[in-house]
Amino acid sequence: MWPGMGRPSTACACFRHAGLIAALLGLLASACGGPSTSTKPTTPNPSPPVVYSFAGLNTSENAAQVGGLRATITWTVEPVIVPGYSVSTWIALAVATPGQGVSNQIAQIGWIETEPGQPHLFWEWGTSTSDIHKQIGKAVEPGIPLHVEVDLDRSGGITFFADDESTGTAAIPWVPTAIGAFAETHTTTEYLPGSSSHPEMLNGFQEQVAGKWVPYAGSELTTSPQFRVKVSSDNSVLIWDVRQPT
């Protein structure tokens, strides 16, 4: 999803594996042998609402002319995951929708974790809420750099790469209006990977313009007061969550 700064989405069954906890009815027998009575049904515990939150960089400058993005992602501090939801970090080309919620017109690749301690490579593309394609790839590990790349040709052909190997192709009917990289959570109780002392890092973040790879330049964006983003002097992108222990 590309950040749209819109209203949070509400939870629905398609977004998580965990369902509502069923209400339990019990019969309690009285100690003196009198008639048993039923307790009131307990209130179901709802899954927390989906709230998309982001930390990273984005720009619209020359987005329509960009032919690709690439970066190396490294993290050592594990995210905090709510089972059935996810935390991810990715680079992407997208059509931004300011003020209208997250955008599904996106081509992205990075890593995703939906179960604690089990991060995987993923790549995704889409045109609308009813036309989204997500692929889960190999297992990846904290501390081991993950090199990712997404290329776009003028006919709308997309090629995804991970560690210099092609992982898949796609075709998109839209022209990008935004490019960037983000770490993403889906509930307010999830933590990004990275702490202030050991942030997640994106190194070698580049965009391809007129057939040449040049350093990416974008604006810092966070949608949560707990998230931090910093671009270091060597152009590395540092991302962390202030709630993570240092």
C-alpha atoms as a PDB file:
ATOM      1  CA  MET A   1       0.000   0.000   0.000  1.00  0.00           C
ATOM      2  CA  TRP A   2       1.181   3.535  -0.756  1.00  0.00           C
ATOM      3  CA  PRO A   3       0.473   6.094   1.990  1.00  0.00           C
ATOM      4  CA  GLY A   4      -2.494   8.297   1.193  1.00  0.00           C
ATOM      5  CA  MET A   5      -2.881  10.105   4.506  1.00  0.00           C
ATOM      6  CA  GLY A   6      -6.560   9.258   4.491  1.00  0.00           C
ATOM      7  CA  ARG A   7      -8.834   7.854   7.154  1.00  0.00           C
ATOM      8  CA  PRO A   8      -7.825   4.513   8.712  1.00  0.00           C
ATOM      9  CA  SER A   9      -9.421   1.417   7.250  1.00  0.00           C
ATOM     10  CA  THR A  10     -11.548  -0.806   9.444  1.00  0.00           C
ATOM     11  CA  ALA A  11     -10.844  -4.451   9.924  1.00  0.00           C
ATOM     12  CA  CYS A  12     -12.435  -7.109   7.775  1.00  0.00           C
ATOM     13  CA  ALA A  13     -12.057 -10.867   7.617  1.00  0.00           C
ATOM     14  CA  CYS A  14      -9.920 -10.780   4.491  1.00  0.00           C
ATOM     15  CA  PHE A  15      -7.133  -8.871   6.256  1.00  0.00           C
ATOM     16  CA  ARG A  16      -6.256 -11.336   8.977  1.00  0.00           C
ATOM     17  CA  HIS A  17      -6.088 -14.976   9.920  1.00  0.00           C
ATOM     18  CA  ALA A  18      -7.399 -14.469  13.448  1.00  0.00           C
ATOM     19  CA  GLY A  19     -11.188 -14.304  13.702  1.00  0.00           C
ATOM     20  CA  LEU A  20     -13.416 -12.985  16.418  1.00  0.00           C
ATOM     21  CA  ILE A  21     -13.279 -14.934  19.657  1.00  0.00           C
ATOM     22  CA  ALA A  22     -16.566 -16.750  20.036  1.00  0.00           C
ATOM     23  CA  ALA A  23     -18.806 -15.921  23.011  1.00  0.00           C
ATOM     24  CA  LEU A  24     -19.009 -18.715  25.574  1.00  0.00           C
ATOM     25  CA  LEU A  25     -22.129 -19.748  27.441  1.00  0.00           C
ATOM     26  CA  GLY A  26     -21.772 -21.627  30.714  1.00  0.00           C
ATOM     27  CA  LEU A  27     -24.144 -23.240  33.183  1.00  0.00           C
ATOM     28  CA  LEU A  28     -23.316 -22.793  36.845  1.00  0.00           C
ATOM     29  CA  ALA A  29     -24.731 -25.254  39.359  1.00  0.00           C
ATOM     30  CA  SER A  30     -25.559 -23.805  42.773  1.00  0.00           C
ATOM     31  CA  ALA A  31     -23.649 -25.143  45.758  1.00  0.00           C
ATOM     32  CA  CYS A  32     -26.878 -26.112  47.522  1.00  0.00           C
ATOM     33  CA  GLY A  33     -28.166 -28.162  44.608  1.00  0.00           C
ATOM     34  CA  GLY A  34     -30.652 -25.583  43.412  1.00  0.00           C
ATOM     35  CA  PRO A  35     -31.447 -24.991  39.726  1.00  0.00           C
ATOM     36  CA  SER A  36     -28.563 -23.925  37.507  1.00  0.00           C
ATOM     37  CA  THR A  37     -28.606 -20.558  35.744  1.00  0.00           C
ATOM     38  CA  SER A  38     -26.963 -19.368  32.550  1.00  0.00           C
ATOM     39  CA  THR A  39     -24.360 -16.653  32.567  1.00  0.00           C
ATOM     40  CA  LYS A  40     -24.657 -13.817  30.130  1.00  0.00           C
ATOM     41  CA  PRO A  41     -22.720 -14.276  26.881  1.00  0.00           C
ATOM     42  CA  THR A  42     -19.301 -12.670  27.031  1.00  0.00           C
ATOM     43  CA  THR A  43     -18.647  -9.822  24.637  1.00  0.00           C
ATOM     44  CA  PRO A  44     -16.588 -10.965  21.643  1.00  0.00           C
ATOM     45  CA  ASN A  45     -13.086  -9.524  21.536  1.00  0.00           C
ATOM     46  CA  PRO A  46     -12.798  -7.853  18.136  1.00  0.00           C
ATOM     47  CA  SER A  47      -9.620  -7.870  16.124  1.00  0.00           C
ATOM     48  CA  PRO A  48      -7.967  -4.453  16.236  1.00  0.00           C
ATOM     49  CA  PRO A  49      -8.796  -2.184  13.308  1.00  0.00           C
ATOM     50  CA  VAL A  50      -6.417  -1.974  10.391  1.00  0.00           C
ATOM     51  CA  VAL A  51      -4.532   1.314  10.651  1.00  0.00           C
ATOM     52  CA  TYR A  52      -1.879   1.735   7.974  1.00  0.00           C
ATOM     53  CA  SER A  53       1.181   3.581   9.274  1.00  0.00           C
ATOM     54  CA  PHE A  54       4.363   4.416   7.369  1.00  0.00           C
ATOM     55  CA  ALA A  55       7.890   5.722   7.803  1.00  0.00           C
ATOM     56  CA  GLY A  56      10.202   6.426   4.894  1.00  0.00           C
ATOM     57  CA  LEU A  57      10.887   8.654   1.921  1.00  0.00           C
ATOM     58  CA  ASN A  58       8.786   9.686  -1.026  1.00  0.00           C
ATOM     59  CA  THR A  59       8.870  12.066  -3.974  1.00  0.00           C
ATOM     60  CA  SER A  60       6.827  12.874  -7.058  1.00  0.00           C
ATOM     61  CA  GLU A  61       9.675  14.597  -8.897  1.00  0.00           C
ATOM     62  CA  ASN A  62      10.357  12.957 -12.266  1.00  0.00           C
ATOM     63  CA  ALA A  63       8.277   9.964 -11.171  1.00  0.00           C
ATOM     64  CA  ALA A  64       6.850   9.419 -14.657  1.00  0.00           C
ATOM     65  CA  GLN A  65      10.368   9.266 -16.114  1.00  0.00           C
ATOM     66  CA  VAL A  66      11.860   6.846 -13.606  1.00  0.00           C
ATOM     67  CA  GLY A  67      12.736   3.453 -15.048  1.00  0.00           C
ATOM     68  CA  GLY A  68      13.551   1.680 -11.803  1.00  0.00           C
ATOM     69  CA  LEU A  69      14.422   1.753  -8.113  1.00  0.00           C
ATOM     70  CA  ARG A  70      16.923  -0.298  -6.134  1.00  0.00           C
ATOM     71  CA  ALA A  71      18.213  -0.474  -2.571  1.00  0.00           C
ATOM     72  CA  THR A  72      19.758  -2.811  -0.028  1.00  0.00           C
ATOM     73  CA  ILE A  73      17.685  -3.308   3.138  1.00  0.00           C
ATOM     74  CA  THR A  74      19.267  -4.461   6.409  1.00  0.00           C
ATOM     75  CA  TRP A  75      17.686  -4.737   9.853  1.00  0.00           C
ATOM     76  CA  THR A  76      18.782  -6.393  13.090  1.00  0.00           C
ATOM     77  CA  VAL A  77      16.044  -5.416  15.565  1.00  0.00           C
ATOM     78  CA  GLU A  78      12.913  -7.504  15.013  1.00  0.00           C
ATOM     79  CA  PRO A  79       9.544  -5.806  14.529  1.00  0.00           C
ATOM     80  CA  VAL A  80       6.680  -6.432  16.939  1.00  0.00           C
ATOM     81  CA  ILE A  81       3.910  -8.262  15.077  1.00  0.00           C
ATOM     82  CA  VAL A  82       0.232  -8.750  15.834  1.00  0.00           C
ATOM     83  CA  PRO A  83      -0.493 -12.271  14.470  1.00  0.00           C
ATOM     84  CA  GLY A  84      -2.599 -12.101  11.334  1.00  0.00           C
ATOM     85  CA  TYR A  85      -1.414  -8.601  10.463  1.00  0.00           C
ATOM     86  CA  SER A  86       2.007  -7.652   9.086  1.00  0.00           C
ATOM     87  CA  VAL A  87       5.036  -5.390   9.176  1.00  0.00           C
ATOM     88  CA  SER A  88       7.038  -4.790   6.002  1.00  0.00           C
ATOM     89  CA  THR A  89       9.737  -2.656   4.397  1.00  0.00           C
ATOM     90  CA  TRP A  90       9.795  -2.029   0.657  1.00  0.00           C
ATOM     91  CA  ILE A  91      10.674   0.182  -2.308  1.00  0.00           C
ATOM     92  CA  ALA A  92       7.943   1.115  -4.770  1.00  0.00           C
ATOM     93  CA  LEU A  93       6.573   2.962  -7.762  1.00  0.00           C
ATOM     94  CA  ALA A  94       2.995   4.108  -7.233  1.00  0.00           C
ATOM     95  CA  VAL A  95       0.115   6.410  -8.027  1.00  0.00           C
ATOM     96  CA  ALA A  96      -0.344   8.554  -4.931  1.00  0.00           C
ATOM     97  CA  THR A  97      -3.863   9.434  -3.742  1.00  0.00           C
ATOM     98  CA  PRO A  98      -3.434  12.276  -1.210  1.00  0.00           C
ATOM     99  CA  GLY A  99      -6.353  12.568   1.171  1.00  0.00           C
ATOM    100  CA  GLN A 100      -8.087   9.482  -0.208  1.00  0.00           C
ATOM    101  CA  GLY A 101      -6.545   6.694   1.834  1.00  0.00           C
ATOM    102  CA  VAL A 102      -3.867   4.243   0.774  1.00  0.00           C
ATOM    103  CA  SER A 103      -3.303   3.534  -2.910  1.00  0.00           C
ATOM    104  CA  ASN A 104      -3.389   0.057  -4.445  1.00  0.00           C
ATOM    105  CA  GLN A 105      -1.836   1.304  -7.686  1.00  0.00           C
ATOM    106  CA  ILE A 106       1.625   0.196  -6.718  1.00  0.00           C
ATOM    107  CA  ALA A 107       4.553  -2.014  -7.716  1.00  0.00           C
ATOM    108  CA  GLN A 108       6.667  -2.834  -4.667  1.00  0.00           C
ATOM    109  CA  ILE A 109       9.268  -5.303  -3.437  1.00  0.00           C
ATOM    110  CA  GLY A 110      10.866  -5.848  -0.042  1.00  0.00           C
ATOM    111  CA  TRP A 111      10.414  -8.046   2.998  1.00  0.00           C
ATOM    112  CA  ILE A 112       7.283  -8.797   5.030  1.00  0.00           C
ATOM    113  CA  GLU A 113       6.643 -10.507   8.359  1.00  0.00           C
ATOM    114  CA  THR A 114       3.168 -11.830   9.168  1.00  0.00           C
ATOM    115  CA  GLU A 115       4.221 -14.238  11.919  1.00  0.00           C
ATOM    116  CA  PRO A 116       6.798 -13.320  14.565  1.00  0.00           C
ATOM    117  CA  GLY A 117      10.313 -14.295  13.555  1.00  0.00           C
ATOM    118  CA  GLN A 118       9.392 -15.416  10.032  1.00  0.00           C
ATOM    119  CA  PRO A 119      10.265 -12.645   7.539  1.00  0.00           C
ATOM    120  CA  HIS A 120      10.016 -13.391   3.814  1.00  0.00           C
ATOM    121  CA  LEU A 121      10.711 -11.678   0.552  1.00  0.00           C
ATOM    122  CA  PHE A 122       7.553 -10.309  -1.090  1.00  0.00           C
ATOM    123  CA  TRP A 123       6.586  -8.398  -4.203  1.00  0.00           C
ATOM    124  CA  GLU A 124       3.208  -6.931  -5.041  1.00  0.00           C
ATOM    125  CA  TRP A 125       1.459  -4.971  -7.766  1.00  0.00           C
ATOM    126  CA  GLY A 126      -2.079  -3.785  -8.342  1.00  0.00           C
ATOM    127  CA  THR A 127      -4.505  -1.422  -9.995  1.00  0.00           C
ATOM    128  CA  SER A 128      -7.394  -1.261  -7.493  1.00  0.00           C
ATOM    129  CA  THR A 129      -8.712  -2.794  -4.274  1.00  0.00           C
ATOM    130  CA  SER A 130     -10.138  -5.680  -6.338  1.00  0.00           C
ATOM    131  CA  ASP A 131      -6.994  -6.204  -8.416  1.00  0.00           C
ATOM    132  CA  ILE A 132      -4.014  -6.784  -6.123  1.00  0.00           C
ATOM    133  CA  HIS A 133      -1.369  -9.455  -6.662  1.00  0.00           C
ATOM    134  CA  LYS A 134       1.007 -10.383  -3.840  1.00  0.00           C
ATOM    135  CA  GLN A 135       3.728 -13.006  -4.068  1.00  0.00           C
ATOM    136  CA  ILE A 136       5.647 -14.405  -1.093  1.00  0.00           C
ATOM    137  CA  GLY A 137       9.183 -15.552  -1.813  1.00  0.00           C
ATOM    138  CA  LYS A 138      12.120 -17.001   0.046  1.00  0.00           C
ATOM    139  CA  ALA A 139      12.734 -16.671   3.770  1.00  0.00           C
ATOM    140  CA  VAL A 140      15.053 -13.797   4.659  1.00  0.00           C
ATOM    141  CA  GLU A 141      16.970 -13.081   7.852  1.00  0.00           C
ATOM    142  CA  PRO A 142      17.675 -10.042  10.020  1.00  0.00           C
ATOM    143  CA  GLY A 143      21.286  -8.941   9.734  1.00  0.00           C
ATOM    144  CA  ILE A 144      21.665 -10.253   6.192  1.00  0.00           C
ATOM    145  CA  PRO A 145      21.397  -7.492   3.540  1.00  0.00           C
ATOM    146  CA  LEU A 146      18.518  -7.905   1.093  1.00  0.00           C
ATOM    147  CA  HIS A 147      19.080  -6.268  -2.289  1.00  0.00           C
ATOM    148  CA  VAL A 148      15.814  -5.413  -4.060  1.00  0.00           C
ATOM    149  CA  GLU A 149      15.001  -3.752  -7.360  1.00  0.00           C
ATOM    150  CA  VAL A 150      11.912  -2.950  -9.411  1.00  0.00           C
ATOM    151  CA  ASP A 151      12.254  -1.940 -13.082  1.00  0.00           C
ATOM    152  CA  LEU A 152       9.632  -0.359 -15.327  1.00  0.00           C
ATOM    153  CA  ASP A 153       9.721  -0.109 -19.112  1.00  0.00           C
ATOM    154  CA  ARG A 154       7.771   2.420 -21.154  1.00  0.00           C
ATOM    155  CA  SER A 155       5.130  -0.142 -22.142  1.00  0.00           C
ATOM    156  CA  GLY A 156       4.187  -0.719 -18.501  1.00  0.00           C
ATOM    157  CA  GLY A 157       6.181  -3.907 -18.019  1.00  0.00           C
ATOM    158  CA  ILE A 158       7.453  -4.453 -14.480  1.00  0.00           C
ATOM    159  CA  THR A 159      10.324  -6.742 -13.460  1.00  0.00           C
ATOM    160  CA  PHE A 160      11.117  -7.492  -9.823  1.00  0.00           C
ATOM    161  CA  PHE A 161      14.582  -8.516  -8.593  1.00  0.00           C
ATOM    162  CA  ALA A 162      15.906  -9.795  -5.278  1.00  0.00           C
ATOM    163  CA  ASP A 163      19.610 -10.356  -4.673  1.00  0.00           C
ATOM    164  CA  ASP A 164      20.224  -9.804  -8.400  1.00  0.00           C
ATOM    165  CA  GLU A 165      17.813 -12.538  -9.510  1.00  0.00           C
ATOM    166  CA  SER A 166      14.495 -11.937 -11.244  1.00  0.00           C
ATOM    167  CA  THR A 167      11.568 -12.969  -9.049  1.00  0.00           C
ATOM    168  CA  GLY A 168       8.680 -12.102 -11.363  1.00  0.00           C
ATOM    169  CA  THR A 169       7.147  -9.823 -13.950  1.00  0.00           C
ATOM    170  CA  ALA A 170       3.885  -7.929 -14.302  1.00  0.00           C
ATOM    171  CA  ALA A 171       2.145  -5.351 -16.471  1.00  0.00           C
ATOM    172  CA  ILE A 172       0.557  -2.171 -15.136  1.00  0.00           C
ATOM    173  CA  PRO A 173      -1.782   0.239 -16.971  1.00  0.00           C
ATOM    174  CA  TRP A 174      -0.873   3.272 -14.867  1.00  0.00           C
ATOM    175  CA  VAL A 175       2.009   5.770 -14.897  1.00  0.00           C
ATOM    176  CA  PRO A 176       3.765   6.357 -11.552  1.00  0.00           C
ATOM    177  CA  THR A 177       3.259   9.696  -9.837  1.00  0.00           C
ATOM    178  CA  ALA A 178       5.312   8.825  -6.743  1.00  0.00           C
ATOM    179  CA  ILE A 179       8.404   6.783  -5.921  1.00  0.00           C
ATOM    180  CA  GLY A 180       9.968   5.905  -2.603  1.00  0.00           C
ATOM    181  CA  ALA A 181      10.628   3.462   0.222  1.00  0.00           C
ATOM    182  CA  PHE A 182       8.692   2.793   3.401  1.00  0.00           C
ATOM    183  CA  ALA A 183       8.439   0.607   6.458  1.00  0.00           C
ATOM    184  CA  GLU A 184       4.765  -0.182   7.104  1.00  0.00           C
ATOM    185  CA  THR A 185       2.626  -1.461   9.975  1.00  0.00           C
ATOM    186  CA  HIS A 186      -1.058  -2.396  10.017  1.00  0.00           C
ATOM    187  CA  THR A 187      -2.039  -1.784  13.659  1.00  0.00           C
ATOM    188  CA  THR A 188      -1.087   0.856  16.196  1.00  0.00           C
ATOM    189  CA  THR A 189       0.372  -1.816  18.521  1.00  0.00           C
ATOM    190  CA  GLU A 190       2.875  -3.142  15.994  1.00  0.00           C
ATOM    191  CA  TYR A 191       6.450  -1.837  16.129  1.00  0.00           C
ATOM    192  CA  LEU A 192       8.684  -1.129  13.185  1.00  0.00           C
ATOM    193  CA  PRO A 193      11.994  -2.966  13.012  1.00  0.00           C
ATOM    194  CA  GLY A 194      14.901  -0.882  14.216  1.00  0.00           C
ATOM    195  CA  SER A 195      15.729   1.065  17.363  1.00  0.00           C
ATOM    196  CA  SER A 196      17.478   4.390  17.805  1.00  0.00           C
ATOM    197  CA  SER A 197      20.775   2.583  18.400  1.00  0.00           C
ATOM    198  CA  HIS A 198      20.252  -0.071  15.696  1.00  0.00           C
ATOM    199  CA  PRO A 199      17.955   1.384  13.014  1.00  0.00           C
ATOM    200  CA  GLU A 200      16.822  -0.413   9.898  1.00  0.00           C
ATOM    201  CA  MET A 201      18.964   0.780   6.989  1.00  0.00           C
ATOM    202  CA  LEU A 202      18.433   1.252   3.269  1.00  0.00           C
ATOM    203  CA  ASN A 203      21.775   1.611   1.540  1.00  0.00           C
ATOM    204  CA  GLY A 204      22.513   2.348  -2.097  1.00  0.00           C
ATOM    205  CA  PHE A 205      19.007   3.706  -2.662  1.00  0.00           C
ATOM    206  CA  GLN A 206      18.983   4.721  -6.331  1.00  0.00           C
ATOM    207  CA  GLU A 207      16.574   5.573  -9.115  1.00  0.00           C
ATOM    208  CA  GLN A 208      17.091   5.022 -12.827  1.00  0.00           C
ATOM    209  CA  VAL A 209      16.589   8.147 -14.942  1.00  0.00           C
ATOM    210  CA  ALA A 210      17.301   8.243 -18.685  1.00  0.00           C
ATOM    211  CA  GLY A 211      18.985   4.858 -18.423  1.00  0.00           C
ATOM    212  CA  LYS A 212      21.387   5.900 -15.637  1.00  0.00           C
ATOM    213  CA  TRP A 213      21.324   5.004 -11.952  1.00  0.00           C
ATOM    214  CA  VAL A 214      21.531   8.080  -9.709  1.00  0.00           C
ATOM    215  CA  PRO A 215      21.084   8.584  -5.946  1.00  0.00           C
ATOM    216  CA  TYR A 216      17.449   8.772  -4.874  1.00  0.00           C
ATOM    217  CA  ALA A 217      16.349  12.046  -3.274  1.00  0.00           C
ATOM    218  CA  GLY A 218      13.016  12.284  -1.478  1.00  0.00           C
ATOM    219  CA  SER A 219      11.258  13.843   1.491  1.00  0.00           C
ATOM    220  CA  GLU A 220      11.011  12.184   4.883  1.00  0.00           C
ATOM    221  CA  LEU A 221       7.498  11.078   5.826  1.00  0.00           C
ATOM    222  CA  THR A 222       6.134   9.450   8.969  1.00  0.00           C
ATOM    223  CA  THR A 223       2.477   8.918   9.831  1.00  0.00           C
ATOM    224  CA  SER A 224       2.993   7.919  13.480  1.00  0.00           C
ATOM    225  CA  PRO A 225       4.584   9.897  16.328  1.00  0.00           C
ATOM    226  CA  GLN A 226       6.520   6.758  17.307  1.00  0.00           C
ATOM    227  CA  PHE A 227       8.297   6.454  13.942  1.00  0.00           C
ATOM    228  CA  ARG A 228      11.539   8.127  12.956  1.00  0.00           C
ATOM    229  CA  VAL A 229      13.336   8.580   9.600  1.00  0.00           C
ATOM    230  CA  LYS A 230      16.749  10.092   8.969  1.00  0.00           C
ATOM    231  CA  VAL A 231      18.937  10.362   5.876  1.00  0.00           C
ATOM    232  CA  SER A 232      22.611  10.130   6.830  1.00  0.00           C
ATOM    233  CA  SER A 233      25.504  11.972   5.206  1.00  0.00           C
ATOM    234  CA  ASP A 234      26.257   8.967   2.947  1.00  0.00           C
ATOM    235  CA  ASN A 235      22.603   8.976   1.730  1.00  0.00           C
ATOM    236  CA  SER A 236      21.666   5.886   3.751  1.00  0.00           C
ATOM    237  CA  VAL A 237      18.083   5.899   5.011  1.00  0.00           C
ATOM    238  CA  LEU A 238      17.665   5.089   8.715  1.00  0.00           C
ATOM    239  CA  ILE A 239      14.250   4.004  10.061  1.00  0.00           C
ATOM    240  CA  TRP A 240      13.303   3.125  13.626  1.00  0.00           C
ATOM    241  CA  ASP A 241      10.544   2.977  16.221  1.00  0.00           C
ATOM    242  CA  VAL A 242      11.062   4.901  19.472  1.00  0.00           C
ATOM    243  CA  ARG A 243       9.179   2.192  21.388  1.00  0.00           C
ATOM    244  CA  GLN A 244      11.871  -0.382  20.604  1.00  0.00           C
ATOM    245  CA  PRO A 245      14.378  -0.907  23.437  1.00  0.00           C
ATOM    246  CA  THR A 246      17.783   0.610  22.731  1.00  0.00           C
END
